[in-house]
């Protein structure tokens, strides 16, 4: 085989090789989860993809998985290690990029739920362009989940994907923001990874229609304790370090339990401004 033919074959093989690589797009997520407060919450989220499917989840979800795996391996359980790994993104989104379908997974109370969705993004591509980092982007607009969204996508990365559920544009979404400024997703970094990550799950997911999931979320927001009581008899007391290396439960008096309940209810009710309003 002569060198000219070999060179042509190599060039043809390059897109295939690139398609087989996995990529992590790191987004900064800025959110206003509490509509009664102007406080913004900022954290990082990952969009891991191999070009055919992708997973979108909070960076702290991956860190929590790592901490839990280490604690299970050492049989030393200390939940204080999880305190700084809280997230406002309490879900994982798995997308089938070929069919533009997705599976949304999250927890309500103690149970894990999932629903399937084919989002209908009626994108309107606008003439406005903007340079974001190294990327030339173009603006698009859509309405979804009770909000008007603006997205800036780049044909330089020919991937019909983006943060959260967004996708379907002729290029990766580099930035997405709702018209009220309650939520924004901004691409901060791109790097190659050995394989796409799927956050760990313990137990089975209950698959239900999206409208049923939304109803459950609303009920949970109004009365979270009814879910915990129905699913397992209230809040479990905090875990403690076990002298023998195993996990145990520390004794807790009713007053402490009541205080824990109030804190948990306040925390849940402070998340009253979800990404999707309807």
Foldseek 3Di string as FASTA:
>chain_A
DDPVVVVVVVVVCVVVVQLQFKKKWKKWKWAQLFPVDPDIDIFIWIWIDSQFKTKIDGPLLVVVLVVVVVLVVQQWDDCVVSPVSDDPGFWMWMAGQVQQKIKIWGDAQHAIAIEIDRDDWPKDWDPDWDDDPPFIWTWIWGDDLNWIKIWTFGLVAQGQDEHDSHGDDRGYTQKMATPVRRIIIHGDDMDTDRHHDDRDDDDDHHYDHPVVVVVSLVVCLVPVQVSNCVVPNGDAADWDTDPVSHIDHDDDDPVVSVVVVVVVNVVSNSSVDDPRND
